[in-house]
C-alpha atoms as a PDB file:
ATOM      1  CA  MET A   1     -75.419  32.857  35.748  1.00  0.00           C
ATOM      2  CA  THR A   2     -75.279  31.034  32.455  1.00  0.00           C
ATOM      3  CA  THR A   3     -76.986  27.743  31.756  1.00  0.00           C
ATOM      4  CA  THR A   4     -73.557  26.120  31.531  1.00  0.00           C
ATOM      5  CA  GLY A   5     -72.626  27.564  34.929  1.00  0.00           C
ATOM      6  CA  ARG A   6     -75.802  26.202  36.503  1.00  0.00           C
ATOM      7  CA  GLN A   7     -75.168  22.812  34.918  1.00  0.00           C
ATOM      8  CA  THR A   8     -71.629  22.767  36.295  1.00  0.00           C
ATOM      9  CA  ASP A   9     -72.884  23.778  39.746  1.00  0.00           C
ATOM     10  CA  ARG A  10     -75.456  20.988  39.726  1.00  0.00           C
ATOM     11  CA  LYS A  11     -72.915  18.482  38.440  1.00  0.00           C
ATOM     12  CA  LEU A  12     -70.515  19.431  41.246  1.00  0.00           C
ATOM     13  CA  GLU A  13     -73.258  18.937  43.840  1.00  0.00           C
ATOM     14  CA  GLN A  14     -74.176  15.554  42.378  1.00  0.00           C
ATOM     15  CA  THR A  15     -70.521  14.534  42.184  1.00  0.00           C
ATOM     16  CA  ILE A  16     -69.856  15.463  45.813  1.00  0.00           C
ATOM     17  CA  LEU A  17     -72.791  13.312  46.933  1.00  0.00           C
ATOM     18  CA  ALA A  18     -71.837  10.435  44.622  1.00  0.00           C
ATOM     19  CA  LEU A  19     -68.213  10.447  45.814  1.00  0.00           C
ATOM     20  CA  LEU A  20     -69.359  10.377  49.432  1.00  0.00           C
ATOM     21  CA  ASP A  21     -71.832   7.572  48.697  1.00  0.00           C
ATOM     22  CA  ARG A  22     -68.938   5.432  47.410  1.00  0.00           C
ATOM     23  CA  ARG A  23     -66.929   5.915  50.582  1.00  0.00           C
ATOM     24  CA  ALA A  24     -67.313   4.327  53.986  1.00  0.00           C
ATOM     25  CA  PRO A  25     -69.655   6.006  56.472  1.00  0.00           C
ATOM     26  CA  GLY A  26     -67.845   8.895  58.105  1.00  0.00           C
ATOM     27  CA  ALA A  27     -65.289   9.199  55.286  1.00  0.00           C
ATOM     28  CA  THR A  28     -64.486  12.586  53.806  1.00  0.00           C
ATOM     29  CA  ILE A  29     -63.540  14.031  50.449  1.00  0.00           C
ATOM     30  CA  CYS A  30     -61.693  17.153  49.413  1.00  0.00           C
ATOM     31  CA  PRO A  31     -63.425  19.681  47.157  1.00  0.00           C
ATOM     32  CA  SER A  32     -60.625  18.952  44.680  1.00  0.00           C
ATOM     33  CA  ASP A  33     -61.917  15.377  44.344  1.00  0.00           C
ATOM     34  CA  ALA A  34     -65.177  16.751  42.937  1.00  0.00           C
ATOM     35  CA  ALA A  35     -63.408  19.368  40.808  1.00  0.00           C
ATOM     36  CA  ARG A  36     -61.143  16.721  39.264  1.00  0.00           C
ATOM     37  CA  ALA A  37     -64.075  14.378  38.616  1.00  0.00           C
ATOM     38  CA  VAL A  38     -66.112  17.090  36.874  1.00  0.00           C
ATOM     39  CA  HIS A  39     -63.230  18.533  34.841  1.00  0.00           C
ATOM     40  CA  ASP A  40     -63.242  17.255  31.288  1.00  0.00           C
ATOM     41  CA  GLY A  41     -59.562  16.924  30.482  1.00  0.00           C
ATOM     42  CA  ASP A  42     -56.179  15.680  31.582  1.00  0.00           C
ATOM     43  CA  ASP A  43     -54.703  19.091  32.351  1.00  0.00           C
ATOM     44  CA  ASP A  44     -54.927  21.134  35.529  1.00  0.00           C
ATOM     45  CA  GLY A  45     -58.098  22.913  34.378  1.00  0.00           C
ATOM     46  CA  TRP A  46     -59.839  21.347  37.384  1.00  0.00           C
ATOM     47  CA  ARG A  47     -58.258  24.102  39.481  1.00  0.00           C
ATOM     48  CA  ALA A  48     -60.728  26.606  37.989  1.00  0.00           C
ATOM     49  CA  LEU A  49     -63.498  24.452  39.506  1.00  0.00           C
ATOM     50  CA  MET A  50     -62.171  24.632  43.066  1.00  0.00           C
ATOM     51  CA  GLU A  51     -64.185  27.653  44.188  1.00  0.00           C
ATOM     52  CA  PRO A  52     -67.331  26.394  42.419  1.00  0.00           C
ATOM     53  CA  ALA A  53     -66.805  23.048  44.218  1.00  0.00           C
ATOM     54  CA  ARG A  54     -66.514  24.820  47.569  1.00  0.00           C
ATOM     55  CA  ARG A  55     -69.691  26.792  46.783  1.00  0.00           C
ATOM     56  CA  ALA A  56     -71.460  23.542  45.837  1.00  0.00           C
ATOM     57  CA  ALA A  57     -70.425  22.079  49.189  1.00  0.00           C
ATOM     58  CA  ARG A  58     -71.780  25.154  50.990  1.00  0.00           C
ATOM     59  CA  ARG A  59     -75.123  24.733  49.202  1.00  0.00           C
ATOM     60  CA  LEU A  60     -75.195  21.092  50.300  1.00  0.00           C
ATOM     61  CA  VAL A  61     -74.455  22.208  53.874  1.00  0.00           C
ATOM     62  CA  ALA A  62     -77.428  24.580  53.677  1.00  0.00           C
ATOM     63  CA  ALA A  63     -79.562  21.687  52.400  1.00  0.00           C
ATOM     64  CA  GLY A  64     -78.498  19.546  55.371  1.00  0.00           C
ATOM     65  CA  GLU A  65     -76.737  16.946  53.198  1.00  0.00           C
ATOM     66  CA  VAL A  66     -73.093  17.430  54.151  1.00  0.00           C
ATOM     67  CA  GLU A  67     -70.839  19.168  56.634  1.00  0.00           C
ATOM     68  CA  ILE A  68     -67.549  20.919  56.069  1.00  0.00           C
ATOM     69  CA  THR A  69     -64.726  20.228  58.478  1.00  0.00           C
ATOM     70  CA  GLN A  70     -61.219  21.439  59.211  1.00  0.00           C
ATOM     71  CA  GLY A  71     -58.987  19.425  61.486  1.00  0.00           C
ATOM     72  CA  GLY A  72     -61.833  16.948  61.942  1.00  0.00           C
ATOM     73  CA  ARG A  73     -64.179  19.567  63.404  1.00  0.00           C
ATOM     74  CA  PRO A  74     -67.245  21.075  61.728  1.00  0.00           C
ATOM     75  CA  VAL A  75     -66.730  24.678  60.654  1.00  0.00           C
ATOM     76  CA  ASP A  76     -69.005  27.426  59.431  1.00  0.00           C
ATOM     77  CA  ALA A  77     -68.955  26.918  55.678  1.00  0.00           C
ATOM     78  CA  ALA A  78     -69.109  30.647  55.000  1.00  0.00           C
ATOM     79  CA  GLU A  79     -66.054  31.352  57.142  1.00  0.00           C
ATOM     80  CA  ALA A  80     -63.853  28.356  56.358  1.00  0.00           C
ATOM     81  CA  ARG A  81     -60.479  29.329  54.941  1.00  0.00           C
ATOM     82  CA  GLY A  82     -57.798  26.983  53.714  1.00  0.00           C
ATOM     83  CA  PRO A  83     -58.061  23.222  53.224  1.00  0.00           C
ATOM     84  CA  VAL A  84     -61.415  21.698  54.109  1.00  0.00           C
ATOM     85  CA  ARG A  85     -62.978  18.258  53.981  1.00  0.00           C
ATOM     86  CA  ILE A  86     -66.565  17.339  53.140  1.00  0.00           C
ATOM     87  CA  SER A  87     -68.527  14.532  54.790  1.00  0.00           C
ATOM     88  CA  ARG A  88     -72.100  13.345  54.953  1.00  0.00           C
ATOM     89  CA  VAL A  89     -74.124  14.676  57.858  1.00  0.00           C
ATOM     90  CA  HIS A  90     -74.316  12.112  60.631  1.00  0.00           C
ATOM     91  CA  ARG A  91     -77.979  11.403  61.208  1.00  0.00           C
ATOM     92  CA  GLU A  92     -79.334   9.861  64.372  1.00  0.00           C
ATOM     93  CA  SER A  93     -81.268   6.651  63.732  1.00  0.00           C
END
């Protein structure tokens, strides 16, 4: 992977976490929210960042930071197909 690719991956991870931090507890985001935020332009070039955004979310799942859901239920990030949502992991206090 190129340095630019790694930088984009890291930026997507940071953006996912930042977007979730700005939302109410329990709120979710779509991977497209992160892709749009990272894309530098007004065109639909953000679409090329959709799979990298989903991969960034899967890395954050592996790190225990977020969960990926479909229909409001957690799903295996590696097997999720179709529209997904990302939320912070609910931690017991």
